[in-house]
Amino acid sequence: MKEDIFDEISAECNYIDRDTVRSVYYALIKVISRKLRIKSAAMIPDWGRFYLHRHSPRMSLDVNSGTFKSLEAKTTVKFTPDYKVKKYFYEIWTK
């Protein structure tokens, strides 16, 4: 599956070397991860913004047992696409 995405990116870039594509792909992941650790957010120009969202502790209903359970605080990664990406996909979906 991962190799498929490397092949597709390579084809979009006039068939550059797959190892180069792989290196850039993993470098992008490392940069995003580092920025999330340091600043709690990472902006990718023309694509969007990754950010850490901290959920507070709360109570939740377990539908199987019918009891309330306490959920601990946790942090998740969220993504908000850039307005250009939103516009692009909106135009695709409305056709």
N, C-alpha and C. Protein backbone atom coordinates (compact mmCIF):
# COMPACT_ATOMS: atom_id res chain seq x y z
N MET A 1 0.83 -1.20 0.00
CA MET A 1 0.00 0.00 0.00
C MET A 1 0.87 1.26 0.00
N LYS A 2 1.87 1.32 0.90
CA LYS A 2 2.74 2.49 0.93
C LYS A 2 3.49 2.64 -0.38
N GLU A 3 3.94 1.53 -0.93
CA GLU A 3 4.69 1.58 -2.18
C GLU A 3 3.82 2.14 -3.31
N ASP A 4 2.51 1.89 -3.27
CA ASP A 4 1.61 2.42 -4.29
C ASP A 4 1.61 3.95 -4.28
N ILE A 5 1.58 4.53 -3.09
CA ILE A 5 1.55 6.00 -3.01
C ILE A 5 2.88 6.57 -3.51
N PHE A 6 3.99 5.89 -3.23
CA PHE A 6 5.29 6.35 -3.73
C PHE A 6 5.31 6.30 -5.25
N ASP A 7 4.73 5.26 -5.84
CA ASP A 7 4.67 5.15 -7.30
C ASP A 7 3.81 6.26 -7.90
N GLU A 8 2.68 6.55 -7.27
CA GLU A 8 1.80 7.60 -7.78
C GLU A 8 2.46 8.97 -7.70
N ILE A 9 3.14 9.25 -6.59
CA ILE A 9 3.84 10.53 -6.46
C ILE A 9 4.95 10.61 -7.49
N SER A 10 5.68 9.53 -7.67
CA SER A 10 6.75 9.49 -8.66
C SER A 10 6.21 9.79 -10.06
N ALA A 11 5.08 9.20 -10.40
CA ALA A 11 4.47 9.44 -11.71
C ALA A 11 4.05 10.91 -11.87
N GLU A 12 3.51 11.51 -10.80
CA GLU A 12 3.10 12.92 -10.86
C GLU A 12 4.31 13.85 -11.04
N CYS A 13 5.47 13.40 -10.60
CA CYS A 13 6.70 14.22 -10.68
C CYS A 13 7.59 13.78 -11.83
N ASN A 14 6.96 13.34 -12.91
CA ASN A 14 7.69 12.94 -14.12
C ASN A 14 8.64 11.77 -13.84
N TYR A 15 8.15 10.83 -13.03
CA TYR A 15 8.87 9.59 -12.73
C TYR A 15 10.25 9.80 -12.13
N ILE A 16 10.29 10.59 -11.06
CA ILE A 16 11.55 10.71 -10.32
C ILE A 16 11.77 9.42 -9.54
N ASP A 17 12.96 9.25 -9.07
CA ASP A 17 13.36 8.03 -8.36
C ASP A 17 12.48 7.76 -7.15
N ARG A 18 12.04 6.50 -6.98
CA ARG A 18 11.15 6.13 -5.87
C ARG A 18 11.82 6.37 -4.51
N ASP A 19 13.15 6.17 -4.42
CA ASP A 19 13.85 6.41 -3.16
C ASP A 19 13.82 7.89 -2.79
N THR A 20 13.89 8.76 -3.78
CA THR A 20 13.79 10.20 -3.52
C THR A 20 12.40 10.54 -2.99
N VAL A 21 11.39 9.98 -3.61
CA VAL A 21 10.01 10.20 -3.17
C VAL A 21 9.85 9.71 -1.73
N ARG A 22 10.36 8.53 -1.44
CA ARG A 22 10.26 7.96 -0.10
C ARG A 22 10.97 8.86 0.92
N SER A 23 12.15 9.37 0.57
CA SER A 23 12.90 10.25 1.48
C SER A 23 12.14 11.53 1.78
N VAL A 24 11.58 12.15 0.75
CA VAL A 24 10.81 13.38 0.94
C VAL A 24 9.55 13.10 1.76
N TYR A 25 8.88 12.00 1.48
CA TYR A 25 7.66 11.61 2.20
C TYR A 25 7.94 11.49 3.70
N TYR A 26 8.98 10.72 4.05
CA TYR A 26 9.29 10.53 5.47
C TYR A 26 9.86 11.79 6.11
N ALA A 27 10.56 12.61 5.34
CA ALA A 27 11.05 13.88 5.87
C ALA A 27 9.88 14.80 6.22
N LEU A 28 8.86 14.82 5.37
CA LEU A 28 7.66 15.63 5.65
C LEU A 28 6.99 15.16 6.94
N ILE A 29 6.89 13.85 7.12
CA ILE A 29 6.29 13.32 8.35
C ILE A 29 7.11 13.72 9.57
N LYS A 30 8.44 13.65 9.46
CA LYS A 30 9.31 14.04 10.59
C LYS A 30 9.16 15.52 10.92
N VAL A 31 9.10 16.36 9.89
CA VAL A 31 8.95 17.81 10.12
C VAL A 31 7.61 18.11 10.81
N ILE A 32 6.54 17.49 10.33
CA ILE A 32 5.22 17.69 10.94
C ILE A 32 5.24 17.23 12.39
N SER A 33 5.81 16.06 12.65
CA SER A 33 5.87 15.52 14.01
C SER A 33 6.67 16.43 14.93
N ARG A 34 7.81 16.92 14.45
CA ARG A 34 8.65 17.81 15.25
C ARG A 34 7.92 19.10 15.59
N LYS A 35 7.25 19.68 14.58
CA LYS A 35 6.52 20.92 14.83
C LYS A 35 5.37 20.70 15.81
N LEU A 36 4.71 19.56 15.72
CA LEU A 36 3.63 19.26 16.66
C LEU A 36 4.16 19.15 18.09
N ARG A 37 5.34 18.51 18.24
CA ARG A 37 5.93 18.38 19.58
C ARG A 37 6.34 19.74 20.14
N ILE A 38 6.93 20.58 19.30
CA ILE A 38 7.47 21.86 19.77
C ILE A 38 6.39 22.94 19.91
N LYS A 39 5.58 23.11 18.87
CA LYS A 39 4.62 24.23 18.84
C LYS A 39 3.16 23.81 18.94
N SER A 40 2.88 22.52 18.97
CA SER A 40 1.52 21.98 18.99
C SER A 40 0.75 22.26 17.70
N ALA A 41 1.46 22.68 16.65
CA ALA A 41 0.81 22.93 15.36
C ALA A 41 1.85 22.87 14.25
N ALA A 42 1.40 22.47 13.05
CA ALA A 42 2.27 22.43 11.88
C ALA A 42 1.46 22.87 10.68
N MET A 43 1.95 23.90 10.00
CA MET A 43 1.26 24.44 8.83
C MET A 43 1.97 23.98 7.57
N ILE A 44 1.22 23.37 6.66
CA ILE A 44 1.75 22.97 5.36
C ILE A 44 1.14 23.93 4.34
N PRO A 45 1.95 24.81 3.75
CA PRO A 45 1.42 25.82 2.83
C PRO A 45 0.59 25.19 1.71
N ASP A 46 -0.55 25.80 1.42
CA ASP A 46 -1.48 25.39 0.38
C ASP A 46 -2.14 24.04 0.64
N TRP A 47 -1.90 23.42 1.78
CA TRP A 47 -2.53 22.14 2.08
C TRP A 47 -3.39 22.23 3.33
N GLY A 48 -2.81 22.71 4.44
CA GLY A 48 -3.60 22.84 5.66
C GLY A 48 -2.77 22.86 6.92
N ARG A 49 -3.45 22.73 8.05
CA ARG A 49 -2.82 22.87 9.36
C ARG A 49 -3.12 21.64 10.21
N PHE A 50 -2.07 21.02 10.75
CA PHE A 50 -2.20 19.96 11.74
C PHE A 50 -2.03 20.62 13.11
N TYR A 51 -2.83 20.20 14.07
CA TYR A 51 -2.67 20.75 15.41
C TYR A 51 -3.10 19.73 16.45
N LEU A 52 -2.57 19.90 17.66
CA LEU A 52 -2.92 19.02 18.76
C LEU A 52 -4.16 19.56 19.46
N HIS A 53 -5.11 18.70 19.70
CA HIS A 53 -6.34 19.09 20.41
C HIS A 53 -6.40 18.30 21.71
N ARG A 54 -6.48 19.01 22.81
CA ARG A 54 -6.52 18.36 24.12
C ARG A 54 -7.97 18.21 24.57
N HIS A 55 -8.39 16.96 24.73
CA HIS A 55 -9.74 16.67 25.23
C HIS A 55 -9.69 16.63 26.75
N SER A 56 -10.62 17.29 27.41
CA SER A 56 -10.67 17.24 28.87
C SER A 56 -11.32 15.94 29.34
N PRO A 57 -11.06 15.57 30.59
CA PRO A 57 -11.70 14.36 31.11
C PRO A 57 -13.21 14.54 31.17
N ARG A 58 -13.94 13.46 30.92
CA ARG A 58 -15.39 13.57 30.92
C ARG A 58 -16.02 12.21 31.20
N MET A 59 -17.31 12.24 31.41
CA MET A 59 -18.07 11.01 31.63
C MET A 59 -18.72 10.61 30.30
N SER A 60 -18.80 9.30 30.07
CA SER A 60 -19.38 8.79 28.84
C SER A 60 -20.28 7.61 29.17
N LEU A 61 -21.37 7.50 28.43
CA LEU A 61 -22.31 6.40 28.63
C LEU A 61 -21.86 5.20 27.81
N ASP A 62 -21.65 4.06 28.48
CA ASP A 62 -21.35 2.81 27.81
C ASP A 62 -22.69 2.20 27.39
N VAL A 63 -22.99 2.21 26.09
CA VAL A 63 -24.31 1.77 25.62
C VAL A 63 -24.54 0.28 25.82
N ASN A 64 -23.47 -0.50 25.89
CA ASN A 64 -23.62 -1.95 26.08
C ASN A 64 -24.07 -2.28 27.50
N SER A 65 -23.47 -1.62 28.50
CA SER A 65 -23.81 -1.95 29.89
C SER A 65 -24.80 -0.96 30.50
N GLY A 66 -24.95 0.21 29.87
CA GLY A 66 -25.86 1.22 30.40
C GLY A 66 -25.28 2.00 31.57
N THR A 67 -23.98 1.88 31.80
CA THR A 67 -23.34 2.60 32.91
C THR A 67 -22.49 3.74 32.37
N PHE A 68 -22.22 4.70 33.25
CA PHE A 68 -21.34 5.80 32.90
C PHE A 68 -19.91 5.44 33.27
N LYS A 69 -19.00 5.79 32.37
CA LYS A 69 -17.58 5.54 32.61
C LYS A 69 -16.83 6.85 32.50
N SER A 70 -15.76 6.95 33.25
CA SER A 70 -14.92 8.14 33.23
C SER A 70 -13.87 8.00 32.14
N LEU A 71 -13.81 8.97 31.25
CA LEU A 71 -12.78 9.00 30.20
C LEU A 71 -11.69 9.97 30.62
N GLU A 72 -10.45 9.52 30.52
CA GLU A 72 -9.33 10.36 30.90
C GLU A 72 -9.08 11.43 29.84
N ALA A 73 -8.34 12.45 30.23
CA ALA A 73 -7.93 13.49 29.28
C ALA A 73 -6.99 12.86 28.27
N LYS A 74 -7.11 13.27 27.01
CA LYS A 74 -6.20 12.76 25.98
C LYS A 74 -5.98 13.81 24.91
N THR A 75 -4.93 13.62 24.15
CA THR A 75 -4.58 14.55 23.09
C THR A 75 -4.68 13.83 21.75
N THR A 76 -5.29 14.48 20.77
CA THR A 76 -5.41 13.92 19.43
C THR A 76 -4.87 14.92 18.41
N VAL A 77 -4.53 14.42 17.24
CA VAL A 77 -4.08 15.28 16.14
C VAL A 77 -5.28 15.58 15.26
N LYS A 78 -5.49 16.84 14.98
CA LYS A 78 -6.57 17.28 14.09
C LYS A 78 -5.96 17.92 12.85
N PHE A 79 -6.74 17.97 11.78
CA PHE A 79 -6.29 18.59 10.54
C PHE A 79 -7.37 19.51 10.02
N THR A 80 -6.98 20.71 9.65
CA THR A 80 -7.89 21.66 9.03
C THR A 80 -7.33 22.00 7.65
N PRO A 81 -8.04 21.66 6.58
CA PRO A 81 -7.52 21.94 5.24
C PRO A 81 -7.51 23.44 4.93
N ASP A 82 -6.59 23.84 4.08
CA ASP A 82 -6.49 25.20 3.60
C ASP A 82 -7.73 25.54 2.75
N TYR A 83 -8.05 26.81 2.64
CA TYR A 83 -9.26 27.20 1.90
C TYR A 83 -9.19 26.76 0.44
N LYS A 84 -7.97 26.69 -0.12
CA LYS A 84 -7.83 26.26 -1.52
C LYS A 84 -8.20 24.78 -1.68
N VAL A 85 -7.82 23.97 -0.70
CA VAL A 85 -8.15 22.55 -0.73
C VAL A 85 -9.65 22.37 -0.55
N LYS A 86 -10.23 23.13 0.37
CA LYS A 86 -11.69 23.06 0.58
C LYS A 86 -12.43 23.43 -0.70
N LYS A 87 -11.98 24.50 -1.35
CA LYS A 87 -12.63 24.95 -2.58
C LYS A 87 -12.50 23.90 -3.68
N TYR A 88 -11.33 23.31 -3.82
CA TYR A 88 -11.09 22.29 -4.84
C TYR A 88 -12.05 21.11 -4.67
N PHE A 89 -12.12 20.57 -3.44
CA PHE A 89 -12.99 19.42 -3.21
C PHE A 89 -14.47 19.79 -3.26
N TYR A 90 -14.82 20.99 -2.87
CA TYR A 90 -16.20 21.43 -2.98
C TYR A 90 -16.64 21.45 -4.45
N GLU A 91 -15.76 21.93 -5.31
CA GLU A 91 -16.08 21.98 -6.74
C GLU A 91 -16.23 20.58 -7.33
N ILE A 92 -15.41 19.64 -6.85
CA ILE A 92 -15.53 18.24 -7.31
C ILE A 92 -16.86 17.64 -6.84
N TRP A 93 -17.20 17.86 -5.58
CA TRP A 93 -18.40 17.25 -5.01
C TRP A 93 -19.68 17.83 -5.58
N THR A 94 -19.67 19.08 -6.03
CA THR A 94 -20.89 19.70 -6.52
C THR A 94 -21.13 19.46 -8.01
N LYS A 95 -20.23 18.77 -8.67
CA LYS A 95 -20.42 18.49 -10.10
C LYS A 95 -21.29 17.28 -10.30
